[in-house]
PDB file of N, CA and C in Angstrom:
ATOM      1  N   UNK A   1     -75.743-131.336 -20.115  1.00  0.00           N
ATOM      2  CA  UNK A   1     -75.138-130.949 -21.291  1.00  0.00           C
ATOM      3  C   UNK A   1     -74.921-132.092 -22.241  1.00  0.00           C
ATOM      4  N   UNK A   2     -74.833-131.737 -23.532  1.00  0.00           N
ATOM      5  CA  UNK A   2     -74.477-132.838 -24.440  1.00  0.00           C
ATOM      6  C   UNK A   2     -73.133-133.121 -24.509  1.00  0.00           C
ATOM      7  N   UNK A   3     -72.692-134.248 -24.960  1.00  0.00           N
ATOM      8  CA  UNK A   3     -71.256-134.678 -25.032  1.00  0.00           C
ATOM      9  C   UNK A   3     -71.062-135.149 -26.546  1.00  0.00           C
ATOM     10  N   UNK A   4     -70.018-134.643 -27.273  1.00  0.00           N
ATOM     11  CA  UNK A   4     -69.049-133.718 -26.704  1.00  0.00           C
ATOM     12  C   UNK A   4     -69.710-132.274 -26.426  1.00  0.00           C
ATOM     13  N   UNK A   5     -69.049-131.369 -25.617  1.00  0.00           N
ATOM     14  CA  UNK A   5     -69.565-130.105 -25.367  1.00  0.00           C
ATOM     15  C   UNK A   5     -69.664-129.311 -26.582  1.00  0.00           C
ATOM     16  N   UNK A   6     -70.778-128.660 -26.886  1.00  0.00           N
ATOM     17  CA  UNK A   6     -70.868-127.755 -28.066  1.00  0.00           C
ATOM     18  C   UNK A   6     -70.906-126.333 -27.568  1.00  0.00           C
ATOM     19  N   UNK A   7     -70.029-125.544 -28.241  1.00  0.00           N
ATOM     20  CA  UNK A   7     -69.720-124.196 -27.733  1.00  0.00           C
ATOM     21  C   UNK A   7     -70.007-123.241 -28.887  1.00  0.00           C
ATOM     22  N   UNK A   8     -70.142-121.958 -28.371  1.00  0.00           N
ATOM     23  CA  UNK A   8     -70.301-120.895 -29.508  1.00  0.00           C
ATOM     24  C   UNK A   8     -69.431-119.662 -28.883  1.00  0.00           C
ATOM     25  N   UNK A   9     -68.883-118.887 -29.770  1.00  0.00           N
ATOM     26  CA  UNK A   9     -68.115-117.790 -29.395  1.00  0.00           C
ATOM     27  C   UNK A   9     -68.994-116.676 -28.888  1.00  0.00           C
ATOM     28  N   UNK A  10     -68.464-115.835 -27.811  1.00  0.00           N
ATOM     29  CA  UNK A  10     -69.194-114.802 -27.296  1.00  0.00           C
ATOM     30  C   UNK A  10     -69.629-113.721 -28.335  1.00  0.00           C
ATOM     31  N   UNK A  11     -68.959-113.623 -29.372  1.00  0.00           N
ATOM     32  CA  UNK A  11     -69.160-112.494 -30.319  1.00  0.00           C
ATOM     33  C   UNK A  11     -70.141-112.938 -31.480  1.00  0.00           C
ATOM     34  N   UNK A  12     -70.758-114.194 -31.468  1.00  0.00           N
ATOM     35  CA  UNK A  12     -71.677-114.595 -32.450  1.00  0.00           C
ATOM     36  C   UNK A  12     -72.996-114.012 -32.011  1.00  0.00           C
ATOM     37  N   UNK A  13     -73.809-113.637 -33.103  1.00  0.00           N
ATOM     38  CA  UNK A  13     -75.193-113.149 -32.664  1.00  0.00           C
ATOM     39  C   UNK A  13     -76.090-114.205 -32.164  1.00  0.00           C
ATOM     40  N   UNK A  14     -77.015-113.864 -31.427  1.00  0.00           N
ATOM     41  CA  UNK A  14     -78.010-114.812 -30.818  1.00  0.00           C
ATOM     42  C   UNK A  14     -78.799-115.535 -31.850  1.00  0.00           C
ATOM     43  N   UNK A  15     -78.874-115.100 -33.062  1.00  0.00           N
ATOM     44  CA  UNK A  15     -79.625-115.860 -34.086  1.00  0.00           C
ATOM     45  C   UNK A  15     -78.744-117.126 -34.516  1.00  0.00           C
ATOM     46  N   UNK A  16     -77.427-116.974 -34.423  1.00  0.00           N
ATOM     47  CA  UNK A  16     -76.553-118.106 -34.793  1.00  0.00           C
ATOM     48  C   UNK A  16     -76.526-119.176 -33.658  1.00  0.00           C
ATOM     49  N   UNK A  17     -76.674-118.681 -32.434  1.00  0.00           N
ATOM     50  CA  UNK A  17     -76.848-119.561 -31.299  1.00  0.00           C
ATOM     51  C   UNK A  17     -78.146-120.412 -31.422  1.00  0.00           C
ATOM     52  N   UNK A  18     -79.296-119.666 -31.689  1.00  0.00           N
ATOM     53  CA  UNK A  18     -80.567-120.268 -31.857  1.00  0.00           C
ATOM     54  C   UNK A  18     -80.448-121.285 -32.933  1.00  0.00           C
ATOM     55  N   UNK A  19     -79.958-121.008 -34.094  1.00  0.00           N
ATOM     56  CA  UNK A  19     -79.820-122.056 -35.196  1.00  0.00           C
ATOM     57  C   UNK A  19     -78.996-123.092 -34.766  1.00  0.00           C
ATOM     58  N   UNK A  20     -77.892-122.994 -34.208  1.00  0.00           N
ATOM     59  CA  UNK A  20     -77.202-124.053 -33.713  1.00  0.00           C
ATOM     60  C   UNK A  20     -77.849-125.013 -32.770  1.00  0.00           C
ATOM     61  N   UNK A  21     -78.596-124.401 -31.820  1.00  0.00           N
ATOM     62  CA  UNK A  21     -79.276-125.141 -30.890  1.00  0.00           C
ATOM     63  C   UNK A  21     -80.403-126.010 -31.497  1.00  0.00           C
ATOM     64  N   UNK A  22     -80.995-125.288 -32.535  1.00  0.00           N
ATOM     65  CA  UNK A  22     -82.131-126.073 -33.164  1.00  0.00           C
ATOM     66  C   UNK A  22     -81.629-127.194 -34.054  1.00  0.00           C
ATOM     67  N   UNK A  23     -80.590-126.963 -34.878  1.00  0.00           N
ATOM     68  CA  UNK A  23     -80.072-127.956 -35.747  1.00  0.00           C
ATOM     69  C   UNK A  23     -79.487-129.157 -34.980  1.00  0.00           C
ATOM     70  N   UNK A  24     -78.881-128.890 -33.768  1.00  0.00           N
ATOM     71  CA  UNK A  24     -78.149-129.975 -33.062  1.00  0.00           C
ATOM     72  C   UNK A  24     -79.252-130.652 -31.988  1.00  0.00           C
ATOM     73  N   UNK A  25     -80.436-130.055 -31.897  1.00  0.00           N
ATOM     74  CA  UNK A  25     -81.378-130.474 -30.960  1.00  0.00           C
ATOM     75  C   UNK A  25     -80.962-130.465 -29.436  1.00  0.00           C
ATOM     76  N   UNK A  26     -80.327-129.326 -29.216  1.00  0.00           N
ATOM     77  CA  UNK A  26     -79.860-129.132 -27.764  1.00  0.00           C
ATOM     78  C   UNK A  26     -80.561-127.900 -27.138  1.00  0.00           C
ATOM     79  N   UNK A  27     -80.671-127.949 -25.793  1.00  0.00           N
ATOM     80  CA  UNK A  27     -81.231-126.817 -25.109  1.00  0.00           C
ATOM     81  C   UNK A  27     -80.360-125.988 -24.320  1.00  0.00           C
ATOM     82  N   UNK A  28     -79.086-126.329 -24.291  1.00  0.00           N
ATOM     83  CA  UNK A  28     -78.106-125.449 -23.585  1.00  0.00           C
ATOM     84  C   UNK A  28     -76.809-125.513 -24.472  1.00  0.00           C
ATOM     85  N   UNK A  29     -76.141-124.268 -24.475  1.00  0.00           N
ATOM     86  CA  UNK A  29     -75.058-124.074 -25.372  1.00  0.00           C
ATOM     87  C   UNK A  29     -74.018-123.264 -24.572  1.00  0.00           C
ATOM     88  N   UNK A  30     -72.739-123.734 -24.463  1.00  0.00           N
ATOM     89  CA  UNK A  30     -71.830-123.080 -23.715  1.00  0.00           C
ATOM     90  C   UNK A  30     -71.237-121.845 -24.553  1.00  0.00           C
ATOM     91  N   UNK A  31     -70.863-120.796 -23.826  1.00  0.00           N
ATOM     92  CA  UNK A  31     -70.358-119.660 -24.617  1.00  0.00           C
ATOM     93  C   UNK A  31     -68.937-119.543 -24.186  1.00  0.00           C
ATOM     94  N   UNK A  32     -68.071-119.312 -25.193  1.00  0.00           N
ATOM     95  CA  UNK A  32     -66.651-119.243 -24.917  1.00  0.00           C
ATOM     96  C   UNK A  32     -66.055-117.877 -25.304  1.00  0.00           C
ATOM     97  N   UNK A  33     -64.959-117.577 -24.673  1.00  0.00           N
ATOM     98  CA  UNK A  33     -64.178-116.403 -24.995  1.00  0.00           C
ATOM     99  C   UNK A  33     -62.732-116.735 -24.735  1.00  0.00           C
ATOM    100  N   UNK A  34     -61.860-116.623 -25.722  1.00  0.00           N
ATOM    101  CA  UNK A  34     -60.471-117.059 -25.505  1.00  0.00           C
ATOM    102  C   UNK A  34     -60.354-118.479 -25.065  1.00  0.00           C
ATOM    103  N   UNK A  35     -61.116-119.339 -25.648  1.00  0.00           N
ATOM    104  CA  UNK A  35     -61.089-120.771 -25.284  1.00  0.00           C
ATOM    105  C   UNK A  35     -61.458-121.115 -23.865  1.00  0.00           C
ATOM    106  N   UNK A  36     -62.220-120.274 -23.192  1.00  0.00           N
ATOM    107  CA  UNK A  36     -62.670-120.400 -21.794  1.00  0.00           C
ATOM    108  C   UNK A  36     -64.081-120.290 -21.909  1.00  0.00           C
ATOM    109  N   UNK A  37     -64.826-121.205 -21.105  1.00  0.00           N
ATOM    110  CA  UNK A  37     -66.287-121.040 -20.937  1.00  0.00           C
ATOM    111  C   UNK A  37     -66.600-119.848 -20.016  1.00  0.00           C
ATOM    112  N   UNK A  38     -67.400-118.997 -20.490  1.00  0.00           N
ATOM    113  CA  UNK A  38     -67.785-117.792 -19.750  1.00  0.00           C
ATOM    114  C   UNK A  38     -69.280-117.780 -19.416  1.00  0.00           C
ATOM    115  N   UNK A  39     -70.066-118.710 -19.980  1.00  0.00           N
ATOM    116  CA  UNK A  39     -71.503-118.727 -19.749  1.00  0.00           C
ATOM    117  C   UNK A  39     -72.170-119.811 -20.486  1.00  0.00           C
ATOM    118  N   UNK A  40     -73.544-119.844 -20.321  1.00  0.00           N
ATOM    119  CA  UNK A  40     -74.362-120.740 -20.904  1.00  0.00           C
ATOM    120  C   UNK A  40     -75.607-119.982 -21.426  1.00  0.00           C
ATOM    121  N   UNK A  41     -75.970-120.331 -22.696  1.00  0.00           N
ATOM    122  CA  UNK A  41     -77.306-119.829 -23.293  1.00  0.00           C
ATOM    123  C   UNK A  41     -78.182-121.067 -23.201  1.00  0.00           C
ATOM    124  N   UNK A  42     -79.436-120.817 -22.732  1.00  0.00           N
ATOM    125  CA  UNK A  42     -80.434-121.841 -22.594  1.00  0.00           C
ATOM    126  C   UNK A  42     -81.514-121.496 -23.587  1.00  0.00           C
ATOM    127  N   UNK A  43     -82.398-122.522 -23.896  1.00  0.00           N
ATOM    128  CA  UNK A  43     -83.504-122.247 -24.652  1.00  0.00           C
ATOM    129  C   UNK A  43     -84.419-121.205 -24.017  1.00  0.00           C
ATOM    130  N   UNK A  44     -84.560-121.150 -22.768  1.00  0.00           N
ATOM    131  CA  UNK A  44     -85.243-120.210 -22.037  1.00  0.00           C
ATOM    132  C   UNK A  44     -84.731-118.765 -22.315  1.00  0.00           C
ATOM    133  N   UNK A  45     -83.514-118.623 -22.240  1.00  0.00           N
ATOM    134  CA  UNK A  45     -82.838-117.373 -22.625  1.00  0.00           C
ATOM    135  C   UNK A  45     -83.364-116.892 -24.021  1.00  0.00           C
ATOM    136  N   UNK A  46     -83.344-117.852 -24.964  1.00  0.00           N
ATOM    137  CA  UNK A  46     -83.709-117.438 -26.336  1.00  0.00           C
ATOM    138  C   UNK A  46     -85.142-116.944 -26.355  1.00  0.00           C
ATOM    139  N   UNK A  47     -86.006-117.623 -25.613  1.00  0.00           N
ATOM    140  CA  UNK A  47     -87.519-117.350 -25.683  1.00  0.00           C
ATOM    141  C   UNK A  47     -87.556-115.891 -24.898  1.00  0.00           C
ATOM    142  N   UNK A  48     -86.955-115.660 -23.833  1.00  0.00           N
ATOM    143  CA  UNK A  48     -87.045-114.420 -23.228  1.00  0.00           C
ATOM    144  C   UNK A  48     -86.541-113.337 -24.040  1.00  0.00           C
ATOM    145  N   UNK A  49     -85.507-113.516 -24.903  1.00  0.00           N
ATOM    146  CA  UNK A  49     -85.020-112.460 -25.764  1.00  0.00           C
ATOM    147  C   UNK A  49     -86.030-112.165 -26.816  1.00  0.00           C
ATOM    148  N   UNK A  50     -86.795-113.164 -27.357  1.00  0.00           N
ATOM    149  CA  UNK A  50     -87.683-112.927 -28.349  1.00  0.00           C
ATOM    150  C   UNK A  50     -88.798-112.148 -27.839  1.00  0.00           C
ATOM    151  N   UNK A  51     -89.383-112.318 -26.598  1.00  0.00           N
ATOM    152  CA  UNK A  51     -90.490-111.594 -26.088  1.00  0.00           C
ATOM    153  C   UNK A  51     -90.135-110.141 -25.806  1.00  0.00           C
ATOM    154  N   UNK A  52     -88.932-109.684 -25.748  1.00  0.00           N
ATOM    155  CA  UNK A  52     -88.713-108.382 -25.347  1.00  0.00           C
ATOM    156  C   UNK A  52     -88.870-107.367 -26.551  1.00  0.00           C
TER     157      UNK A  52
END
């Protein structure tokens, strides 16, 4: 993971996550809810979402 940890709220659309990952040149993004990490989105997750 990058330092400092870059996060996105769980209620943001996947397009926002993709743009954030692209602009910051990162491949993993922590997902938060109520200031707690609840998951991770990876570049592979984005590709899999696009092919569906």
